[in-house]
Amino acid sequence: MNFSFNGLFLKAKERIVISNLKDKHEKHVAPGSLAGYLFQPERALFWLVNSKSGAKIGIETDDDVVKQAKSDNENNVYEQDKHSISKNIPFGNHSKDLWNTLHIWLKAISSKEIDVKNAEFHLVTNKIIEDGIVKSIATAQTKEDITNCVKSLRNIALGVPTGVKVYAEKVCEYDGETISMLIEKVVLCDGNANSYGDGLKEEMRSKLLIPESLPFSEIYDSLLGWVHNFAMNCWRNDRPAWLPRDTFVEYFQRIITRYRLKTFVETDQSLIPLSLVDKEAQYNELFVRQLYLLAIERDDDMLTDSIEDYLRCKHERTRLSIEGNITKEEMDRFDQNLLDRWKIIFAEFNRKYKRGQKTCEDINDFGADMGFSILTKTLDHREPLADQPTEQYYLTRGSYHRLANNKKLQIGWHPEYKLLLGQGE
């Protein structure tokens, strides 16, 4: 919405600046770095959904993402996240991220910082890992499989690049038993396992038991925004970002209650398709001719926006009527409220227009200016529908244009709109 979240941006920004200073041709790396940092809140939200009461989820605490369980009946999770938008596949046999991660985990196990019996170690990436030692480790089930993985690690360590060698050597310093304990608890979650994006969101939707009748995308964005804001507040106050699962659940329940109490949910304007043919067909409509009276030209953004609001409103009012969420009486009351509000605004500016006619230098410009003021003040509004606040401006604005399109000329913008449109007294 969405992201330290300040800390994440600062880290990414520092890397971007350093990258640009080193080589201007490497600036394409910046989006990848930022995407990697934003991957962590997404994963943190996943663990908040998949944790039991009393658990806490950490971002950039003991690992990229950590699940700290309340009891021994639930394993702690230590997760390394590698998001890539390039062709590179993370956790390769000769990669620094693999060997450094294994070394960090082995060190924590050896020093008793982590109780390996009650822990899981997750390697997570948005990429699909087809082969390599990581795949072997993740699928090792028997003692023989694990022993073979230890041997393979030691053999691979002999051929890693110079920059990675120091990490591989540190891994190989640990005895086979310690390495085996780690291998037994390693979990690989890649693109095939819904590690990110839509697949991950669908898993969370299923876990949260959110019905099809509720707008999951909006709910998801609200939950992810909560993760971002909570983490940012922690970092701003110099505290580690530990997100309590129970606090998250309380927020989630409030969000669900809010949506369940809604009589209807508006369609986001970006989800209503508008064809060029439909737009072109509106230029001779009465509501558009009303805008022409205000010296608004055909290529003016105000005119284009008005046509789009009118079409979106037409689509939405039809949908609400068909689905039975809104009664005709409720929609009629909505229109009447719009009309009553317009009357007050029109009366205010019409008075100014009549008083200023005697002193204005150009009556045509003066009338157009007054009409534009009536239009902008009228459209800067979102009218409640069925006693529920509306969120999309197009529903109110489009309904005003709908009223302005009525041949009875119930609504107009120019103070002399009836006269100019041929219906004056």
Protein backbone atom coordinates (compact mmCIF):
# COMPACT_ATOMS: atom_id res chain seq x y z
CA MET A 1 0.00 0.00 0.00
CA ASN A 2 2.67 -0.88 0.16
CA PHE A 3 7.10 -0.86 2.86
CA SER A 4 13.42 -0.98 9.23
CA PHE A 5 9.97 -0.33 6.37
CA ASN A 6 11.97 2.87 6.44
CA GLY A 7 14.97 0.70 7.05
CA LEU A 8 14.20 -1.45 4.01
CA PHE A 9 14.01 1.61 1.80
CA LEU A 10 17.17 3.06 3.29
CA LYS A 11 19.06 -0.17 2.69
CA ALA A 12 17.83 -0.40 -0.86
CA LYS A 13 18.60 3.28 -1.47
CA GLU A 14 22.14 2.92 -0.13
CA ARG A 15 22.76 -0.03 -2.41
CA ILE A 16 21.32 1.84 -5.38
CA VAL A 17 23.58 4.85 -4.77
CA ILE A 18 26.66 2.67 -4.29
CA SER A 19 25.81 0.71 -7.42
CA ASN A 20 25.47 3.90 -9.45
CA LEU A 21 28.74 5.30 -8.14
CA LYS A 22 30.61 2.12 -8.98
CA ASP A 23 29.18 1.66 -12.43
CA LYS A 24 26.41 3.67 -14.05
CA HIS A 25 25.66 0.69 -16.26
CA GLU A 26 24.60 -1.36 -13.23
CA LYS A 27 21.64 0.85 -12.25
CA HIS A 28 19.26 -1.86 -13.51
CA VAL A 29 20.16 -3.79 -10.35
CA ALA A 30 18.20 -1.34 -8.16
CA PRO A 31 14.67 -2.70 -8.82
CA GLY A 32 15.88 -6.20 -8.00
CA SER A 33 17.32 -5.08 -4.68
CA LEU A 34 14.15 -3.25 -3.72
CA ALA A 35 11.97 -6.19 -4.76
CA GLY A 36 14.11 -8.40 -2.54
CA TYR A 37 13.51 -6.22 0.50
CA LEU A 38 9.77 -5.96 -0.17
CA PHE A 39 9.63 -9.76 -0.40
CA GLN A 40 10.20 -10.02 3.37
CA PRO A 41 6.93 -8.33 4.50
CA GLU A 42 5.06 -10.59 2.09
CA ARG A 43 6.65 -13.63 3.71
CA ALA A 44 6.08 -12.23 7.20
CA LEU A 45 2.36 -11.93 6.44
CA PHE A 46 2.36 -15.58 5.36
CA TRP A 47 3.77 -16.67 8.73
CA LEU A 48 1.37 -14.46 10.66
CA VAL A 49 -1.44 -16.34 8.92
CA ASN A 50 0.22 -19.72 9.54
CA SER A 51 1.10 -19.39 13.23
CA LYS A 52 -0.64 -20.39 16.42
CA SER A 53 -1.72 -18.08 19.24
CA GLY A 54 1.13 -16.42 21.10
CA ALA A 55 3.63 -16.59 18.24
CA LYS A 56 5.67 -13.61 17.02
CA ILE A 57 7.01 -12.92 13.55
CA GLY A 58 10.26 -11.02 13.11
CA ILE A 59 11.50 -9.12 10.07
CA GLU A 60 15.28 -8.61 9.93
CA THR A 61 15.70 -9.90 13.48
CA ASP A 62 17.41 -13.29 13.90
CA ASP A 63 17.03 -13.90 10.15
CA ASP A 64 15.29 -12.35 7.15
CA VAL A 65 12.00 -13.60 8.57
CA VAL A 66 11.57 -15.53 11.83
CA LYS A 67 8.60 -17.27 13.40
CA GLN A 68 9.03 -17.48 17.16
CA ALA A 69 6.55 -19.99 18.56
CA LYS A 70 5.08 -19.73 22.04
CA SER A 71 5.36 -23.44 22.91
CA ASP A 72 7.47 -26.47 22.03
CA ASN A 73 4.47 -27.92 20.20
CA GLU A 74 5.18 -25.56 17.31
CA ASN A 75 8.56 -25.22 15.64
CA ASN A 76 10.40 -21.93 15.37
CA VAL A 77 11.17 -20.97 11.79
CA TYR A 78 14.33 -19.28 10.51
CA GLU A 79 13.90 -18.13 6.94
CA GLN A 80 16.29 -16.82 4.32
CA ASP A 81 14.50 -15.04 1.46
CA LYS A 82 16.01 -14.58 -1.97
CA HIS A 83 13.84 -12.81 -4.52
CA SER A 84 15.19 -12.45 -8.04
CA ILE A 85 13.89 -10.65 -11.13
CA SER A 86 16.87 -11.77 -13.22
CA LYS A 87 17.67 -15.16 -14.73
CA ASN A 88 19.90 -16.02 -11.78
CA ILE A 89 18.70 -18.90 -9.60
CA PRO A 90 19.38 -18.36 -5.86
CA PHE A 91 20.97 -20.97 -3.59
CA GLY A 92 23.13 -22.43 -6.35
CA ASN A 93 25.95 -24.85 -5.52
CA HIS A 94 28.60 -22.15 -5.82
CA SER A 95 26.59 -19.19 -4.50
CA LYS A 96 27.57 -17.07 -1.53
CA ASP A 97 23.96 -16.88 -0.33
CA LEU A 98 23.83 -20.67 0.12
CA TRP A 99 27.15 -21.16 1.91
CA ASN A 100 26.84 -18.06 4.08
CA THR A 101 23.30 -19.08 5.13
CA LEU A 102 24.42 -22.62 6.02
CA HIS A 103 27.32 -21.21 8.03
CA ILE A 104 25.08 -18.81 9.99
CA TRP A 105 22.63 -21.59 10.85
CA LEU A 106 25.37 -24.07 11.79
CA LYS A 107 27.01 -21.49 14.04
CA ALA A 108 23.69 -20.80 15.82
CA ILE A 109 23.07 -24.54 16.30
CA SER A 110 26.59 -25.20 17.55
CA SER A 111 26.45 -22.32 20.06
CA LYS A 112 23.00 -23.45 21.29
CA GLU A 113 21.43 -20.15 20.18
CA ILE A 114 18.97 -22.28 18.25
CA ASP A 115 17.44 -25.49 19.56
CA VAL A 116 17.56 -27.54 16.40
CA LYS A 117 14.99 -30.02 17.75
CA ASN A 118 12.34 -27.28 17.75
CA ALA A 119 13.40 -25.43 14.61
CA GLU A 120 12.92 -25.38 10.87
CA PHE A 121 15.26 -23.68 8.43
CA HIS A 122 13.56 -22.35 5.31
CA LEU A 123 15.26 -21.38 2.06
CA VAL A 124 12.69 -19.34 0.11
CA THR A 125 12.85 -17.94 -3.39
CA ASN A 126 10.42 -16.88 -6.09
CA LYS A 127 12.49 -18.81 -8.64
CA ILE A 128 12.05 -22.51 -9.45
CA ILE A 129 15.02 -24.63 -8.39
CA GLU A 130 15.30 -27.69 -10.60
CA ASP A 131 18.50 -29.28 -9.27
CA GLY A 132 21.58 -28.75 -7.12
CA ILE A 133 22.63 -29.56 -3.58
CA VAL A 134 19.77 -27.48 -2.14
CA LYS A 135 17.25 -29.72 -3.89
CA SER A 136 19.00 -32.80 -2.51
CA ILE A 137 19.07 -31.38 1.01
CA ALA A 138 15.38 -30.46 0.92
CA THR A 139 14.32 -33.92 -0.28
CA ALA A 140 16.65 -35.94 2.00
CA GLN A 141 14.53 -38.22 4.18
CA THR A 142 16.67 -41.15 5.30
CA LYS A 143 19.93 -41.18 7.23
CA GLU A 144 21.63 -42.40 4.06
CA ASP A 145 20.23 -39.43 2.09
CA ILE A 146 21.48 -37.00 4.73
CA THR A 147 24.94 -38.62 4.87
CA ASN A 148 25.22 -38.37 1.09
CA CYS A 149 24.28 -34.68 1.29
CA VAL A 150 27.06 -34.04 3.82
CA LYS A 151 29.57 -35.74 1.51
CA SER A 152 28.30 -33.78 -1.48
CA LEU A 153 28.61 -30.50 0.43
CA ARG A 154 32.23 -31.21 1.28
CA ASN A 155 33.02 -32.16 -2.34
CA ILE A 156 31.28 -29.08 -3.76
CA ALA A 157 33.14 -26.87 -1.28
CA LEU A 158 36.43 -27.81 -2.94
CA GLY A 159 35.43 -26.19 -6.20
CA VAL A 160 33.65 -22.99 -5.18
CA PRO A 161 34.94 -19.60 -6.43
CA THR A 162 37.51 -17.69 -4.41
CA GLY A 163 34.97 -15.20 -3.05
CA VAL A 164 32.80 -17.99 -1.71
CA LYS A 165 35.57 -20.26 -0.47
CA VAL A 166 35.83 -18.68 2.98
CA TYR A 167 32.14 -19.46 3.68
CA ALA A 168 32.36 -22.99 2.30
CA GLU A 169 35.42 -23.72 4.43
CA LYS A 170 33.61 -22.51 7.55
CA VAL A 171 30.71 -24.87 6.80
CA CYS A 172 33.08 -27.79 6.35
CA GLU A 173 34.72 -27.09 9.73
CA TYR A 174 31.60 -28.45 11.45
CA ASP A 175 31.37 -32.15 12.18
CA GLY A 176 29.10 -34.39 10.18
CA GLU A 177 26.60 -34.79 13.00
CA THR A 178 25.95 -31.05 13.32
CA ILE A 179 25.63 -30.63 9.56
CA SER A 180 23.28 -33.64 9.47
CA MET A 181 21.05 -32.10 12.17
CA LEU A 182 20.71 -28.98 10.05
CA ILE A 183 20.06 -30.84 6.79
CA GLU A 184 17.26 -32.82 8.45
CA LYS A 185 15.45 -29.54 9.26
CA VAL A 186 15.96 -27.62 6.00
CA VAL A 187 12.85 -26.79 3.95
CA LEU A 188 12.98 -25.45 0.39
CA CYS A 189 10.12 -23.23 -0.75
CA ASP A 190 10.48 -22.10 -4.36
CA GLY A 191 8.19 -20.87 -7.13
CA ASN A 192 6.64 -24.31 -7.45
CA ALA A 193 5.50 -24.17 -3.83
CA ASN A 194 3.56 -20.87 -3.99
CA SER A 195 6.39 -19.00 -2.30
CA TYR A 196 5.27 -15.58 -3.54
CA GLY A 197 2.66 -13.55 -5.40
CA ASP A 198 -0.78 -14.84 -6.38
CA GLY A 199 -0.07 -18.41 -5.32
CA LEU A 200 0.96 -17.29 -1.86
CA LYS A 201 -2.07 -15.00 -1.61
CA GLU A 202 -4.43 -17.85 -2.54
CA GLU A 203 -2.92 -20.04 0.18
CA MET A 204 -3.51 -17.30 2.73
CA ARG A 205 -7.07 -16.77 1.52
CA SER A 206 -7.79 -20.46 2.05
CA LYS A 207 -6.18 -20.45 5.49
CA LEU A 208 -8.11 -17.35 6.58
CA LEU A 209 -11.41 -18.80 5.32
CA ILE A 210 -12.30 -15.63 3.41
CA PRO A 211 -15.44 -16.23 1.28
CA GLU A 212 -15.72 -15.26 -2.37
CA SER A 213 -18.29 -12.60 -1.45
CA LEU A 214 -15.61 -10.45 0.19
CA PRO A 215 -12.99 -8.48 -1.81
CA PHE A 216 -9.87 -10.47 -0.94
CA SER A 217 -7.46 -8.21 -2.85
CA GLU A 218 -8.52 -5.21 -0.75
CA ILE A 219 -8.34 -7.26 2.45
CA TYR A 220 -4.90 -8.58 1.51
CA ASP A 221 -3.62 -5.07 0.79
CA SER A 222 -4.92 -3.92 4.19
CA LEU A 223 -3.16 -6.79 5.97
CA LEU A 224 0.10 -6.22 4.11
CA GLY A 225 -0.17 -2.52 4.92
CA TRP A 226 -0.53 -3.41 8.60
CA VAL A 227 2.70 -5.43 8.41
CA HIS A 228 4.49 -2.52 6.74
CA ASN A 229 3.25 0.08 9.23
CA PHE A 230 3.92 -2.07 12.30
CA ALA A 231 7.46 -2.82 11.19
CA MET A 232 8.14 0.81 10.29
CA ASN A 233 6.94 2.02 13.69
CA CYS A 234 9.25 -0.46 15.39
CA TRP A 235 12.28 0.68 13.41
CA ARG A 236 11.46 4.36 13.87
CA ASN A 237 11.46 3.80 17.62
CA ASP A 238 14.73 1.85 17.51
CA ARG A 239 13.06 -1.48 18.32
CA PRO A 240 13.32 -4.79 16.47
CA ALA A 241 10.33 -5.57 14.26
CA TRP A 242 8.54 -8.37 16.12
CA LEU A 243 4.93 -8.64 15.00
CA PRO A 244 2.61 -10.37 17.50
CA ARG A 245 0.36 -12.89 15.82
CA ASP A 246 -2.52 -12.16 18.24
CA THR A 247 -2.41 -8.42 17.50
CA PHE A 248 -2.51 -9.27 13.80
CA VAL A 249 -5.57 -11.49 14.32
CA GLU A 250 -7.40 -8.67 16.11
CA TYR A 251 -6.71 -6.34 13.18
CA PHE A 252 -7.80 -9.00 10.70
CA GLN A 253 -11.10 -9.51 12.53
CA ARG A 254 -11.79 -5.77 12.44
CA ILE A 255 -11.17 -5.70 8.69
CA ILE A 256 -13.47 -8.68 8.09
CA THR A 257 -16.20 -7.18 10.28
CA ARG A 258 -16.01 -3.91 8.37
CA TYR A 259 -16.48 -5.65 5.03
CA ARG A 260 -19.21 -7.96 6.29
CA LEU A 261 -21.22 -4.96 7.49
CA LYS A 262 -21.05 -3.36 4.06
CA THR A 263 -24.24 -3.57 2.06
CA PHE A 264 -22.18 -3.42 -1.11
CA VAL A 265 -18.57 -3.18 -2.23
CA GLU A 266 -17.74 -0.81 -5.06
CA THR A 267 -15.69 -1.91 -8.02
CA ASP A 268 -12.32 -0.19 -8.16
CA GLN A 269 -12.25 2.18 -11.12
CA SER A 270 -9.18 0.43 -12.55
CA LEU A 271 -11.21 -2.78 -12.87
CA ILE A 272 -13.94 -1.28 -15.06
CA PRO A 273 -12.87 -1.53 -18.73
CA LEU A 274 -13.63 1.45 -20.94
CA SER A 275 -13.50 1.09 -24.72
CA LEU A 276 -12.49 3.87 -27.09
CA VAL A 277 -15.77 3.34 -28.95
CA ASP A 278 -17.81 3.95 -25.78
CA LYS A 279 -15.85 7.11 -25.03
CA GLU A 280 -16.20 8.48 -28.57
CA ALA A 281 -19.96 7.91 -28.44
CA GLN A 282 -20.37 10.37 -25.55
CA TYR A 283 -19.11 13.56 -27.18
CA ASN A 284 -22.56 14.62 -28.38
CA GLU A 285 -24.34 13.72 -25.15
CA LEU A 286 -26.10 16.48 -23.23
CA PHE A 287 -23.82 16.25 -20.17
CA VAL A 288 -20.80 16.82 -22.43
CA ARG A 289 -22.47 19.80 -24.12
CA GLN A 290 -23.00 21.22 -20.64
CA LEU A 291 -19.23 21.05 -20.16
CA TYR A 292 -18.64 22.78 -23.51
CA LEU A 293 -20.55 25.78 -22.10
CA LEU A 294 -17.70 26.20 -19.57
CA ALA A 295 -15.07 26.54 -22.33
CA ILE A 296 -13.87 22.99 -21.65
CA GLU A 297 -12.45 21.73 -24.92
CA ARG A 298 -12.73 18.23 -26.41
CA ASP A 299 -9.10 17.36 -25.62
CA ASP A 300 -9.28 18.72 -22.03
CA ASP A 301 -8.51 16.20 -19.27
CA MET A 302 -11.58 17.46 -17.40
CA LEU A 303 -13.80 16.39 -20.27
CA THR A 304 -12.10 13.00 -20.63
CA ASP A 305 -12.32 12.33 -16.90
CA SER A 306 -16.00 13.30 -16.88
CA ILE A 307 -16.81 10.89 -19.70
CA GLU A 308 -14.92 8.10 -17.93
CA ASP A 309 -16.71 8.82 -14.64
CA TYR A 310 -20.05 8.76 -16.46
CA LEU A 311 -19.32 5.38 -18.09
CA ARG A 312 -17.94 3.79 -14.93
CA CYS A 313 -20.94 5.03 -12.97
CA LYS A 314 -23.31 3.58 -15.57
CA HIS A 315 -21.54 0.21 -15.33
CA GLU A 316 -21.56 0.20 -11.52
CA ARG A 317 -25.18 1.28 -11.07
CA THR A 318 -26.22 -1.50 -13.44
CA ARG A 319 -24.14 -4.05 -11.56
CA LEU A 320 -25.51 -3.03 -8.16
CA SER A 321 -29.04 -3.18 -9.50
CA ILE A 322 -28.61 -6.63 -11.08
CA GLU A 323 -26.93 -8.13 -8.03
CA GLY A 324 -29.69 -6.79 -5.81
CA ASN A 325 -27.37 -5.08 -3.34
CA ILE A 326 -29.07 -1.71 -3.73
CA THR A 327 -32.81 -1.12 -4.03
CA LYS A 328 -34.37 1.37 -6.45
CA GLU A 329 -35.55 3.42 -3.48
CA GLU A 330 -32.00 3.65 -2.12
CA MET A 331 -30.64 4.72 -5.50
CA ASP A 332 -33.42 7.29 -5.93
CA ARG A 333 -32.60 8.71 -2.50
CA PHE A 334 -28.91 8.86 -3.50
CA ASP A 335 -29.81 10.91 -6.61
CA GLN A 336 -32.13 13.18 -4.66
CA ASN A 337 -29.39 13.93 -2.13
CA LEU A 338 -27.07 14.82 -5.00
CA LEU A 339 -29.71 17.10 -6.45
CA ASP A 340 -30.37 18.82 -3.10
CA ARG A 341 -26.65 19.43 -2.59
CA TRP A 342 -26.27 20.84 -6.12
CA LYS A 343 -29.14 23.28 -5.55
CA ILE A 344 -27.31 24.85 -2.60
CA ILE A 345 -24.03 25.16 -4.50
CA PHE A 346 -25.73 26.46 -7.65
CA ALA A 347 -27.69 29.07 -5.67
CA GLU A 348 -24.48 30.35 -4.05
CA PHE A 349 -22.62 30.91 -7.32
CA ASN A 350 -25.69 31.99 -9.29
CA ARG A 351 -26.09 34.86 -6.81
CA LYS A 352 -22.46 35.87 -7.37
CA TYR A 353 -23.02 35.66 -11.11
CA LYS A 354 -26.06 37.93 -11.07
CA ARG A 355 -24.39 40.49 -8.81
CA GLY A 356 -21.20 40.48 -10.89
CA GLN A 357 -22.84 40.85 -14.30
CA LYS A 358 -22.94 44.63 -14.04
CA THR A 359 -19.22 45.03 -13.42
CA CYS A 360 -17.66 42.19 -15.40
CA GLU A 361 -15.80 43.03 -18.60
CA ASP A 362 -16.76 39.86 -20.50
CA ILE A 363 -20.08 38.26 -19.59
CA ASN A 364 -19.26 35.09 -21.53
CA ASP A 365 -15.99 34.44 -19.70
CA PHE A 366 -17.59 35.37 -16.39
CA GLY A 367 -20.43 32.88 -16.88
CA ALA A 368 -18.02 30.11 -17.90
CA ASP A 369 -15.84 30.79 -14.85
CA MET A 370 -18.81 30.74 -12.48
CA GLY A 371 -20.02 27.51 -14.07
CA PHE A 372 -16.61 25.91 -13.70
CA SER A 373 -16.62 26.83 -10.01
CA ILE A 374 -20.06 25.24 -9.62
CA LEU A 375 -18.82 22.10 -11.40
CA THR A 376 -15.61 21.62 -9.41
CA LYS A 377 -17.21 22.28 -6.02
CA THR A 378 -20.08 19.93 -6.84
CA LEU A 379 -17.84 17.08 -8.03
CA ASP A 380 -15.47 17.29 -5.06
CA HIS A 381 -17.67 14.94 -3.06
CA ARG A 382 -18.48 11.29 -2.33
CA GLU A 383 -22.14 10.80 -1.48
CA PRO A 384 -23.13 7.93 0.89
CA LEU A 385 -25.28 5.22 -0.69
CA ALA A 386 -27.71 3.11 1.35
CA ASP A 387 -26.38 4.77 4.53
CA GLN A 388 -22.87 3.53 3.70
CA PRO A 389 -19.91 5.79 2.82
CA THR A 390 -18.71 5.40 -0.76
CA GLU A 391 -15.03 5.05 -1.59
CA GLN A 392 -14.95 5.61 -5.35
CA TYR A 393 -15.33 9.17 -6.62
CA TYR A 394 -16.63 8.02 -9.99
CA LEU A 395 -19.93 6.84 -8.51
CA THR A 396 -20.84 10.32 -7.24
CA ARG A 397 -19.30 12.28 -10.10
CA GLY A 398 -20.74 9.98 -12.74
CA SER A 399 -24.19 10.25 -11.15
CA TYR A 400 -23.97 14.04 -11.30
CA HIS A 401 -23.15 13.82 -15.02
CA ARG A 402 -26.03 11.35 -15.38
CA LEU A 403 -28.38 13.95 -13.89
CA ALA A 404 -26.85 16.61 -16.13
CA ASN A 405 -27.62 14.34 -19.09
CA ASN A 406 -31.34 14.31 -18.30
CA LYS A 407 -33.41 16.11 -20.92
CA LYS A 408 -35.37 17.77 -18.14
CA LEU A 409 -32.13 19.61 -17.30
CA GLN A 410 -32.41 18.87 -13.59
CA ILE A 411 -28.79 19.87 -13.13
CA GLY A 412 -26.49 22.26 -14.94
CA TRP A 413 -23.20 24.06 -14.41
CA HIS A 414 -23.35 27.34 -16.31
CA PRO A 415 -25.59 29.87 -14.49
CA GLU A 416 -27.54 30.30 -17.74
CA TYR A 417 -27.42 26.62 -18.73
CA LYS A 418 -31.17 26.29 -19.43
CA LEU A 419 -31.21 29.36 -21.64
CA LEU A 420 -28.06 28.36 -23.50
CA LEU A 421 -29.34 24.84 -24.07
CA GLY A 422 -32.65 26.11 -25.47
CA GLN A 423 -34.92 25.60 -22.49
CA GLY A 424 -34.85 29.02 -20.91
CA GLU A 425 -37.96 30.94 -20.08
